[in-house]
Amino acid sequence: NTIYKLRKLLKEEEIDALIVVETLCSQFTIPAPL
């Protein structure tokens, strides 16, 4: 669900750059923009 919400945010907000501050967040941020 968190990956889905992140993917939805990327699309709706038309994000140009994604910055991950914490390595543990990668489990969400790597699959989301695929």
PDB file of all heavy atoms in Angstrom:
ATOM      1  N   ASN A   1       0.823  -1.212   0.000  1.00  0.00           N
ATOM      2  CA  ASN A   1       0.000   0.000   0.000  1.00  0.00           C
ATOM      3  C   ASN A   1       0.854   1.256   0.000  1.00  0.00           C
ATOM      4  O   ASN A   1       0.518   2.247  -0.653  1.00  0.00           O
ATOM      5  CB  ASN A   1      -0.958   0.019   1.193  1.00  0.00           C
ATOM      6  CG  ASN A   1      -2.141  -0.901   0.998  1.00  0.00           C
ATOM      7  OD1 ASN A   1      -2.399  -1.368  -0.090  1.00  0.00           O
ATOM      8  ND2 ASN A   1      -2.852  -1.166   2.070  1.00  0.00           N
ATOM      9  N   THR A   2       1.961   1.230   0.728  1.00  0.00           N
ATOM     10  CA  THR A   2       2.861   2.382   0.766  1.00  0.00           C
ATOM     11  C   THR A   2       3.520   2.585  -0.601  1.00  0.00           C
ATOM     12  O   THR A   2       3.648   3.713  -1.069  1.00  0.00           O
ATOM     13  CB  THR A   2       3.920   2.207   1.869  1.00  0.00           C
ATOM     14  OG1 THR A   2       3.243   2.035   3.124  1.00  0.00           O
ATOM     15  CG2 THR A   2       4.832   3.401   1.959  1.00  0.00           C
ATOM     16  N   ILE A   3       3.921   1.505  -1.252  1.00  0.00           N
ATOM     17  CA  ILE A   3       4.492   1.599  -2.598  1.00  0.00           C
ATOM     18  C   ILE A   3       3.450   2.165  -3.563  1.00  0.00           C
ATOM     19  O   ILE A   3       3.754   3.039  -4.380  1.00  0.00           O
ATOM     20  CB  ILE A   3       5.009   0.230  -3.079  1.00  0.00           C
ATOM     21  CG1 ILE A   3       6.211  -0.196  -2.233  1.00  0.00           C
ATOM     22  CG2 ILE A   3       5.372   0.268  -4.569  1.00  0.00           C
ATOM     23  CD1 ILE A   3       6.626  -1.635  -2.427  1.00  0.00           C
ATOM     24  N   TYR A   4       2.226   1.700  -3.453  1.00  0.00           N
ATOM     25  CA  TYR A   4       1.139   2.202  -4.301  1.00  0.00           C
ATOM     26  C   TYR A   4       0.924   3.701  -4.082  1.00  0.00           C
ATOM     27  O   TYR A   4       0.802   4.464  -5.041  1.00  0.00           O
ATOM     28  CB  TYR A   4      -0.152   1.433  -4.016  1.00  0.00           C
ATOM     29  CG  TYR A   4      -1.357   2.036  -4.678  1.00  0.00           C
ATOM     30  CD1 TYR A   4      -1.587   1.853  -6.040  1.00  0.00           C
ATOM     31  CD2 TYR A   4      -2.248   2.822  -3.957  1.00  0.00           C
ATOM     32  CE1 TYR A   4      -2.685   2.432  -6.664  1.00  0.00           C
ATOM     33  CE2 TYR A   4      -3.342   3.398  -4.566  1.00  0.00           C
ATOM     34  CZ  TYR A   4      -3.559   3.200  -5.918  1.00  0.00           C
ATOM     35  OH  TYR A   4      -4.634   3.783  -6.523  1.00  0.00           O
ATOM     36  N   LYS A   5       0.901   4.137  -2.813  1.00  0.00           N
ATOM     37  CA  LYS A   5       0.691   5.559  -2.506  1.00  0.00           C
ATOM     38  C   LYS A   5       1.843   6.410  -3.025  1.00  0.00           C
ATOM     39  O   LYS A   5       1.641   7.518  -3.517  1.00  0.00           O
ATOM     40  CB  LYS A   5       0.520   5.756  -1.006  1.00  0.00           C
ATOM     41  CG  LYS A   5      -0.789   5.216  -0.482  1.00  0.00           C
ATOM     42  CD  LYS A   5      -0.856   5.343   1.029  1.00  0.00           C
ATOM     43  CE  LYS A   5      -2.076   4.639   1.575  1.00  0.00           C
ATOM     44  NZ  LYS A   5      -2.097   4.640   3.044  1.00  0.00           N
ATOM     45  N   LEU A   6       3.059   5.885  -2.922  1.00  0.00           N
ATOM     46  CA  LEU A   6       4.221   6.603  -3.435  1.00  0.00           C
ATOM     47  C   LEU A   6       4.164   6.706  -4.951  1.00  0.00           C
ATOM     48  O   LEU A   6       4.405   7.763  -5.523  1.00  0.00           O
ATOM     49  CB  LEU A   6       5.506   5.911  -2.987  1.00  0.00           C
ATOM     50  CG  LEU A   6       6.815   6.548  -3.393  1.00  0.00           C
ATOM     51  CD1 LEU A   6       6.914   7.986  -2.893  1.00  0.00           C
ATOM     52  CD2 LEU A   6       7.980   5.731  -2.864  1.00  0.00           C
ATOM     53  N   ARG A   7       3.801   5.619  -5.625  1.00  0.00           N
ATOM     54  CA  ARG A   7       3.676   5.632  -7.090  1.00  0.00           C
ATOM     55  C   ARG A   7       2.603   6.628  -7.529  1.00  0.00           C
ATOM     56  O   ARG A   7       2.793   7.388  -8.476  1.00  0.00           O
ATOM     57  CB  ARG A   7       3.332   4.235  -7.585  1.00  0.00           C
ATOM     58  CG  ARG A   7       3.194   4.148  -9.096  1.00  0.00           C
ATOM     59  CD  ARG A   7       2.964   2.747  -9.552  1.00  0.00           C
ATOM     60  NE  ARG A   7       4.208   1.998  -9.366  1.00  0.00           N
ATOM     61  CZ  ARG A   7       4.273   0.677  -9.279  1.00  0.00           C
ATOM     62  NH1 ARG A   7       3.183  -0.031  -9.340  1.00  0.00           N
ATOM     63  NH2 ARG A   7       5.431   0.081  -9.137  1.00  0.00           N
ATOM     64  N   LYS A   8       1.496   6.633  -6.811  1.00  0.00           N
ATOM     65  CA  LYS A   8       0.400   7.564  -7.114  1.00  0.00           C
ATOM     66  C   LYS A   8       0.853   9.012  -6.925  1.00  0.00           C
ATOM     67  O   LYS A   8       0.550   9.882  -7.739  1.00  0.00           O
ATOM     68  CB  LYS A   8      -0.785   7.245  -6.200  1.00  0.00           C
ATOM     69  CG  LYS A   8      -2.012   8.031  -6.492  1.00  0.00           C
ATOM     70  CD  LYS A   8      -3.150   7.572  -5.577  1.00  0.00           C
ATOM     71  CE  LYS A   8      -4.365   8.436  -5.781  1.00  0.00           C
ATOM     72  NZ  LYS A   8      -5.462   8.079  -4.883  1.00  0.00           N
ATOM     73  N   LEU A   9       1.615   9.275  -5.858  1.00  0.00           N
ATOM     74  CA  LEU A   9       2.140  10.618  -5.598  1.00  0.00           C
ATOM     75  C   LEU A   9       3.092  11.055  -6.707  1.00  0.00           C
ATOM     76  O   LEU A   9       3.045  12.200  -7.164  1.00  0.00           O
ATOM     77  CB  LEU A   9       2.836  10.644  -4.236  1.00  0.00           C
ATOM     78  CG  LEU A   9       3.427  11.955  -3.772  1.00  0.00           C
ATOM     79  CD1 LEU A   9       2.330  12.993  -3.534  1.00  0.00           C
ATOM     80  CD2 LEU A   9       4.234  11.749  -2.489  1.00  0.00           C
ATOM     81  N   LEU A  10       3.953  10.147  -7.157  1.00  0.00           N
ATOM     82  CA  LEU A  10       4.888  10.460  -8.245  1.00  0.00           C
ATOM     83  C   LEU A  10       4.141  10.894  -9.501  1.00  0.00           C
ATOM     84  O   LEU A  10       4.520  11.861 -10.159  1.00  0.00           O
ATOM     85  CB  LEU A  10       5.761   9.246  -8.568  1.00  0.00           C
ATOM     86  CG  LEU A  10       6.817   8.846  -7.549  1.00  0.00           C
ATOM     87  CD1 LEU A  10       7.406   7.485  -7.901  1.00  0.00           C
ATOM     88  CD2 LEU A  10       7.901   9.892  -7.453  1.00  0.00           C
ATOM     89  N   LYS A  11       3.077  10.193  -9.829  1.00  0.00           N
ATOM     90  CA  LYS A  11       2.314  10.492 -11.042  1.00  0.00           C
ATOM     91  C   LYS A  11       1.481  11.761 -10.890  1.00  0.00           C
ATOM     92  O   LYS A  11       1.496  12.621 -11.760  1.00  0.00           O
ATOM     93  CB  LYS A  11       1.403   9.317 -11.398  1.00  0.00           C
ATOM     94  CG  LYS A  11       2.154   8.112 -11.892  1.00  0.00           C
ATOM     95  CD  LYS A  11       1.211   6.981 -12.228  1.00  0.00           C
ATOM     96  CE  LYS A  11       1.989   5.764 -12.690  1.00  0.00           C
ATOM     97  NZ  LYS A  11       1.104   4.643 -13.010  1.00  0.00           N
ATOM     98  N   GLU A  12       0.738  11.864  -9.794  1.00  0.00           N
ATOM     99  CA  GLU A  12      -0.155  13.012  -9.613  1.00  0.00           C
ATOM    100  C   GLU A  12       0.598  14.324  -9.485  1.00  0.00           C
ATOM    101  O   GLU A  12       0.161  15.352  -9.999  1.00  0.00           O
ATOM    102  CB  GLU A  12      -1.035  12.802  -8.378  1.00  0.00           C
ATOM    103  CG  GLU A  12      -2.107  11.754  -8.571  1.00  0.00           C
ATOM    104  CD  GLU A  12      -2.932  11.515  -7.324  1.00  0.00           C
ATOM    105  OE1 GLU A  12      -2.627  12.098  -6.257  1.00  0.00           O
ATOM    106  OE2 GLU A  12      -3.890  10.733  -7.414  1.00  0.00           O
ATOM    107  N   GLU A  13       1.722  14.312  -8.805  1.00  0.00           N
ATOM    108  CA  GLU A  13       2.493  15.537  -8.594  1.00  0.00           C
ATOM    109  C   GLU A  13       3.511  15.790  -9.693  1.00  0.00           C
ATOM    110  O   GLU A  13       4.193  16.804  -9.676  1.00  0.00           O
ATOM    111  CB  GLU A  13       3.199  15.485  -7.228  1.00  0.00           C
ATOM    112  CG  GLU A  13       2.259  15.481  -6.049  1.00  0.00           C
ATOM    113  CD  GLU A  13       1.586  16.819  -5.826  1.00  0.00           C
ATOM    114  OE1 GLU A  13       2.063  17.848  -6.352  1.00  0.00           O
ATOM    115  OE2 GLU A  13       0.565  16.843  -5.122  1.00  0.00           O
ATOM    116  N   GLU A  14       3.658  14.850 -10.624  1.00  0.00           N
ATOM    117  CA  GLU A  14       4.618  14.969 -11.728  1.00  0.00           C
ATOM    118  C   GLU A  14       6.019  15.290 -11.207  1.00  0.00           C
ATOM    119  O   GLU A  14       6.641  16.289 -11.570  1.00  0.00           O
ATOM    120  CB  GLU A  14       4.139  15.990 -12.744  1.00  0.00           C
ATOM    121  CG  GLU A  14       2.814  15.630 -13.374  1.00  0.00           C
ATOM    122  CD  GLU A  14       2.295  16.673 -14.343  1.00  0.00           C
ATOM    123  OE1 GLU A  14       2.884  17.771 -14.426  1.00  0.00           O
ATOM    124  OE2 GLU A  14       1.296  16.393 -15.017  1.00  0.00           O
ATOM    125  N   ILE A  15       6.517  14.397 -10.378  1.00  0.00           N
ATOM    126  CA  ILE A  15       7.816  14.564  -9.714  1.00  0.00           C
ATOM    127  C   ILE A  15       8.948  14.434 -10.730  1.00  0.00           C
ATOM    128  O   ILE A  15       8.959  13.525 -11.554  1.00  0.00           O
ATOM    129  CB  ILE A  15       7.971  13.508  -8.592  1.00  0.00           C
ATOM    130  CG1 ILE A  15       6.871  13.661  -7.536  1.00  0.00           C
ATOM    131  CG2 ILE A  15       9.353  13.568  -7.974  1.00  0.00           C
ATOM    132  CD1 ILE A  15       6.870  14.977  -6.808  1.00  0.00           C
ATOM    133  N   ASP A  16       9.910  15.352 -10.643  1.00  0.00           N
ATOM    134  CA  ASP A  16      11.085  15.325 -11.510  1.00  0.00           C
ATOM    135  C   ASP A  16      12.262  14.596 -10.875  1.00  0.00           C
ATOM    136  O   ASP A  16      13.072  13.996 -11.569  1.00  0.00           O
ATOM    137  CB  ASP A  16      11.526  16.758 -11.847  1.00  0.00           C
ATOM    138  CG  ASP A  16      10.462  17.508 -12.610  1.00  0.00           C
ATOM    139  OD1 ASP A  16      10.006  16.988 -13.642  1.00  0.00           O
ATOM    140  OD2 ASP A  16      10.069  18.606 -12.164  1.00  0.00           O
ATOM    141  N   ALA A  17      12.389  14.686  -9.554  1.00  0.00           N
ATOM    142  CA  ALA A  17      13.508  14.059  -8.858  1.00  0.00           C
ATOM    143  C   ALA A  17      13.027  13.474  -7.546  1.00  0.00           C
ATOM    144  O   ALA A  17      12.244  14.086  -6.831  1.00  0.00           O
ATOM    145  CB  ALA A  17      14.612  15.071  -8.599  1.00  0.00           C
ATOM    146  N   LEU A  18      13.513  12.285  -7.253  1.00  0.00           N
ATOM    147  CA  LEU A  18      13.176  11.589  -6.019  1.00  0.00           C
ATOM    148  C   LEU A  18      14.453  11.408  -5.216  1.00  0.00           C
ATOM    149  O   LEU A  18      15.413  10.828  -5.709  1.00  0.00           O
ATOM    150  CB  LEU A  18      12.543  10.229  -6.341  1.00  0.00           C
ATOM    151  CG  LEU A  18      12.272   9.271  -5.199  1.00  0.00           C
ATOM    152  CD1 LEU A  18      11.299   9.872  -4.195  1.00  0.00           C
ATOM    153  CD2 LEU A  18      11.725   7.959  -5.736  1.00  0.00           C
ATOM    154  N   ILE A  19      14.460  11.925  -4.003  1.00  0.00           N
ATOM    155  CA  ILE A  19      15.636  11.818  -3.131  1.00  0.00           C
ATOM    156  C   ILE A  19      15.248  11.005  -1.908  1.00  0.00           C
ATOM    157  O   ILE A  19      14.270  11.328  -1.225  1.00  0.00           O
ATOM    158  CB  ILE A  19      16.145  13.208  -2.703  1.00  0.00           C
ATOM    159  CG1 ILE A  19      16.541  14.029  -3.924  1.00  0.00           C
ATOM    160  CG2 ILE A  19      17.319  13.063  -1.731  1.00  0.00           C
ATOM    161  CD1 ILE A  19      16.860  15.479  -3.612  1.00  0.00           C
ATOM    162  N   VAL A  20      16.008   9.961  -1.648  1.00  0.00           N
ATOM    163  CA  VAL A  20      15.760   9.095  -0.507  1.00  0.00           C
ATOM    164  C   VAL A  20      16.829   9.388   0.533  1.00  0.00           C
ATOM    165  O   VAL A  20      18.010   9.246   0.271  1.00  0.00           O
ATOM    166  CB  VAL A  20      15.814   7.607  -0.914  1.00  0.00           C
ATOM    167  CG1 VAL A  20      15.445   6.718   0.259  1.00  0.00           C
ATOM    168  CG2 VAL A  20      14.909   7.350  -2.088  1.00  0.00           C
ATOM    169  N   VAL A  21      16.396   9.813   1.708  1.00  0.00           N
ATOM    170  CA  VAL A  21      17.339  10.233   2.733  1.00  0.00           C
ATOM    171  C   VAL A  21      17.810   9.050   3.583  1.00  0.00           C
ATOM    172  O   VAL A  21      18.876   9.093   4.155  1.00  0.00           O
ATOM    173  CB  VAL A  21      16.720  11.330   3.627  1.00  0.00           C
ATOM    174  CG1 VAL A  21      17.667  11.763   4.721  1.00  0.00           C
ATOM    175  CG2 VAL A  21      16.328  12.519   2.784  1.00  0.00           C
ATOM    176  N   GLU A  22      17.044   7.999   3.611  1.00  0.00           N
ATOM    177  CA  GLU A  22      17.361   6.865   4.471  1.00  0.00           C
ATOM    178  C   GLU A  22      17.340   5.575   3.661  1.00  0.00           C
ATOM    179  O   GLU A  22      16.393   5.302   2.934  1.00  0.00           O
ATOM    180  CB  GLU A  22      16.328   6.802   5.593  1.00  0.00           C
ATOM    181  CG  GLU A  22      16.666   5.874   6.697  1.00  0.00           C
ATOM    182  CD  GLU A  22      15.687   6.025   7.853  1.00  0.00           C
ATOM    183  OE1 GLU A  22      14.939   7.005   7.916  1.00  0.00           O
ATOM    184  OE2 GLU A  22      15.672   5.134   8.679  1.00  0.00           O
ATOM    185  N   THR A  23      18.370   4.778   3.796  1.00  0.00           N
ATOM    186  CA  THR A  23      18.505   3.555   3.012  1.00  0.00           C
ATOM    187  C   THR A  23      17.333   2.601   3.234  1.00  0.00           C
ATOM    188  O   THR A  23      16.879   1.944   2.300  1.00  0.00           O
ATOM    189  CB  THR A  23      19.826   2.843   3.359  1.00  0.00           C
ATOM    190  OG1 THR A  23      20.888   3.769   3.192  1.00  0.00           O
ATOM    191  CG2 THR A  23      20.068   1.650   2.467  1.00  0.00           C
ATOM    192  N   LEU A  24      16.802   2.520   4.443  1.00  0.00           N
ATOM    193  CA  LEU A  24      15.687   1.616   4.717  1.00  0.00           C
ATOM    194  C   LEU A  24      14.431   1.974   3.920  1.00  0.00           C
ATOM    195  O   LEU A  24      13.576   1.124   3.698  1.00  0.00           O
ATOM    196  CB  LEU A  24      15.365   1.598   6.213  1.00  0.00           C
ATOM    197  CG  LEU A  24      16.410   0.935   7.102  1.00  0.00           C
ATOM    198  CD1 LEU A  24      16.041   1.085   8.568  1.00  0.00           C
ATOM    199  CD2 LEU A  24      16.562  -0.531   6.747  1.00  0.00           C
ATOM    200  N   CYS A  25      14.327   3.207   3.485  1.00  0.00           N
ATOM    201  CA  CYS A  25      13.174   3.629   2.673  1.00  0.00           C
ATOM    202  C   CYS A  25      13.244   3.069   1.256  1.00  0.00           C
ATOM    203  O   CYS A  25      12.264   3.133   0.521  1.00  0.00           O
ATOM    204  CB  CYS A  25      13.091   5.147   2.625  1.00  0.00           C
ATOM    205  SG  CYS A  25      12.747   5.907   4.221  1.00  0.00           S
ATOM    206  N   SER A  26      14.380   2.494   0.885  1.00  0.00           N
ATOM    207  CA  SER A  26      14.558   1.973  -0.471  1.00  0.00           C
ATOM    208  C   SER A  26      13.588   0.848  -0.803  1.00  0.00           C
ATOM    209  O   SER A  26      13.243   0.649  -1.962  1.00  0.00           O
ATOM    210  CB  SER A  26      15.987   1.481  -0.673  1.00  0.00           C
ATOM    211  OG  SER A  26      16.870   2.562  -0.550  1.00  0.00           O
ATOM    212  N   GLN A  27      13.128   0.110   0.207  1.00  0.00           N
ATOM    213  CA  GLN A  27      12.164  -0.954  -0.064  1.00  0.00           C
ATOM    214  C   GLN A  27      10.867  -0.401  -0.657  1.00  0.00           C
ATOM    215  O   GLN A  27      10.119  -1.111  -1.308  1.00  0.00           O
ATOM    216  CB  GLN A  27      11.871  -1.754   1.202  1.00  0.00           C
ATOM    217  CG  GLN A  27      11.196  -0.951   2.294  1.00  0.00           C
ATOM    218  CD  GLN A  27      10.970  -1.762   3.547  1.00  0.00           C
ATOM    219  OE1 GLN A  27      10.688  -2.951   3.475  1.00  0.00           O
ATOM    220  NE2 GLN A  27      11.092  -1.132   4.700  1.00  0.00           N
ATOM    221  N   PHE A  28      10.621   0.887  -0.441  1.00  0.00           N
ATOM    222  CA  PHE A  28       9.451   1.542  -1.008  1.00  0.00           C
ATOM    223  C   PHE A  28       9.798   2.315  -2.274  1.00  0.00           C
ATOM    224  O   PHE A  28       9.033   2.339  -3.231  1.00  0.00           O
ATOM    225  CB  PHE A  28       8.829   2.512  -0.001  1.00  0.00           C
ATOM    226  CG  PHE A  28       8.523   1.889   1.325  1.00  0.00           C
ATOM    227  CD1 PHE A  28       9.326   2.132   2.424  1.00  0.00           C
ATOM    228  CD2 PHE A  28       7.434   1.049   1.471  1.00  0.00           C
ATOM    229  CE1 PHE A  28       9.050   1.558   3.643  1.00  0.00           C
ATOM    230  CE2 PHE A  28       7.146   0.473   2.694  1.00  0.00           C
ATOM    231  CZ  PHE A  28       7.957   0.717   3.783  1.00  0.00           C
ATOM    232  N   THR A  29      10.945   2.976  -2.265  1.00  0.00           N
ATOM    233  CA  THR A  29      11.269   3.920  -3.334  1.00  0.00           C
ATOM    234  C   THR A  29      11.878   3.281  -4.576  1.00  0.00           C
ATOM    235  O   THR A  29      11.825   3.873  -5.649  1.00  0.00           O
ATOM    236  CB  THR A  29      12.226   5.010  -2.817  1.00  0.00           C
ATOM    237  OG1 THR A  29      13.393   4.392  -2.287  1.00  0.00           O
ATOM    238  CG2 THR A  29      11.553   5.847  -1.755  1.00  0.00           C
ATOM    239  N   ILE A  30      12.447   2.094  -4.472  1.00  0.00           N
ATOM    240  CA  ILE A  30      12.995   1.445  -5.671  1.00  0.00           C
ATOM    241  C   ILE A  30      11.874   0.891  -6.549  1.00  0.00           C
ATOM    242  O   ILE A  30      11.849   1.143  -7.750  1.00  0.00           O
ATOM    243  CB  ILE A  30      14.046   0.383  -5.310  1.00  0.00           C
ATOM    244  CG1 ILE A  30      15.306   1.094  -4.800  1.00  0.00           C
ATOM    245  CG2 ILE A  30      14.372  -0.509  -6.502  1.00  0.00           C
ATOM    246  CD1 ILE A  30      16.391   0.181  -4.288  1.00  0.00           C
ATOM    247  N   PRO A  31      10.894   0.154  -5.992  1.00  0.00           N
ATOM    248  CA  PRO A  31       9.844  -0.363  -6.877  1.00  0.00           C
ATOM    249  C   PRO A  31       8.818   0.679  -7.326  1.00  0.00           C
ATOM    250  O   PRO A  31       8.203   0.518  -8.380  1.00  0.00           O
ATOM    251  CB  PRO A  31       9.158  -1.458  -6.044  1.00  0.00           C
ATOM    252  CG  PRO A  31       9.514  -1.184  -4.646  1.00  0.00           C
ATOM    253  CD  PRO A  31      10.801  -0.424  -4.664  1.00  0.00           C
ATOM    254  N   ALA A  32       8.626   1.732  -6.569  1.00  0.00           N
ATOM    255  CA  ALA A  32       7.564   2.700  -6.879  1.00  0.00           C
ATOM    256  C   ALA A  32       7.693   3.348  -8.258  1.00  0.00           C
ATOM    257  O   ALA A  32       6.715   3.417  -8.992  1.00  0.00           O
ATOM    258  CB  ALA A  32       7.471   3.763  -5.791  1.00  0.00           C
ATOM    259  N   PRO A  33       8.859   3.847  -8.668  1.00  0.00           N
ATOM    260  CA  PRO A  33       8.915   4.535  -9.972  1.00  0.00           C
ATOM    261  C   PRO A  33       9.076   3.613 -11.172  1.00  0.00           C
ATOM    262  O   PRO A  33       9.220   4.093 -12.289  1.00  0.00           O
ATOM    263  CB  PRO A  33      10.123   5.458  -9.833  1.00  0.00           C
ATOM    264  CG  PRO A  33      10.987   4.831  -8.813  1.00  0.00           C
ATOM    265  CD  PRO A  33      10.066   4.068  -7.900  1.00  0.00           C
ATOM    266  N   LEU A  34       9.025   2.300 -11.008  1.00  0.00           N
ATOM    267  CA  LEU A  34       9.276   1.391 -12.122  1.00  0.00           C
ATOM    268  C   LEU A  34       8.324   1.600 -13.298  1.00  0.00           C
ATOM    269  O   LEU A  34       8.717   1.504 -14.440  1.00  0.00           O
ATOM    270  CB  LEU A  34       9.220  -0.067 -11.650  1.00  0.00           C
ATOM    271  CG  LEU A  34      10.369  -0.487 -10.742  1.00  0.00           C
ATOM    272  CD1 LEU A  34      10.183  -1.934 -10.300  1.00  0.00           C
ATOM    273  CD2 LEU A  34      11.716  -0.306 -11.411  1.00  0.00           C
TER     274      LEU A  34
END
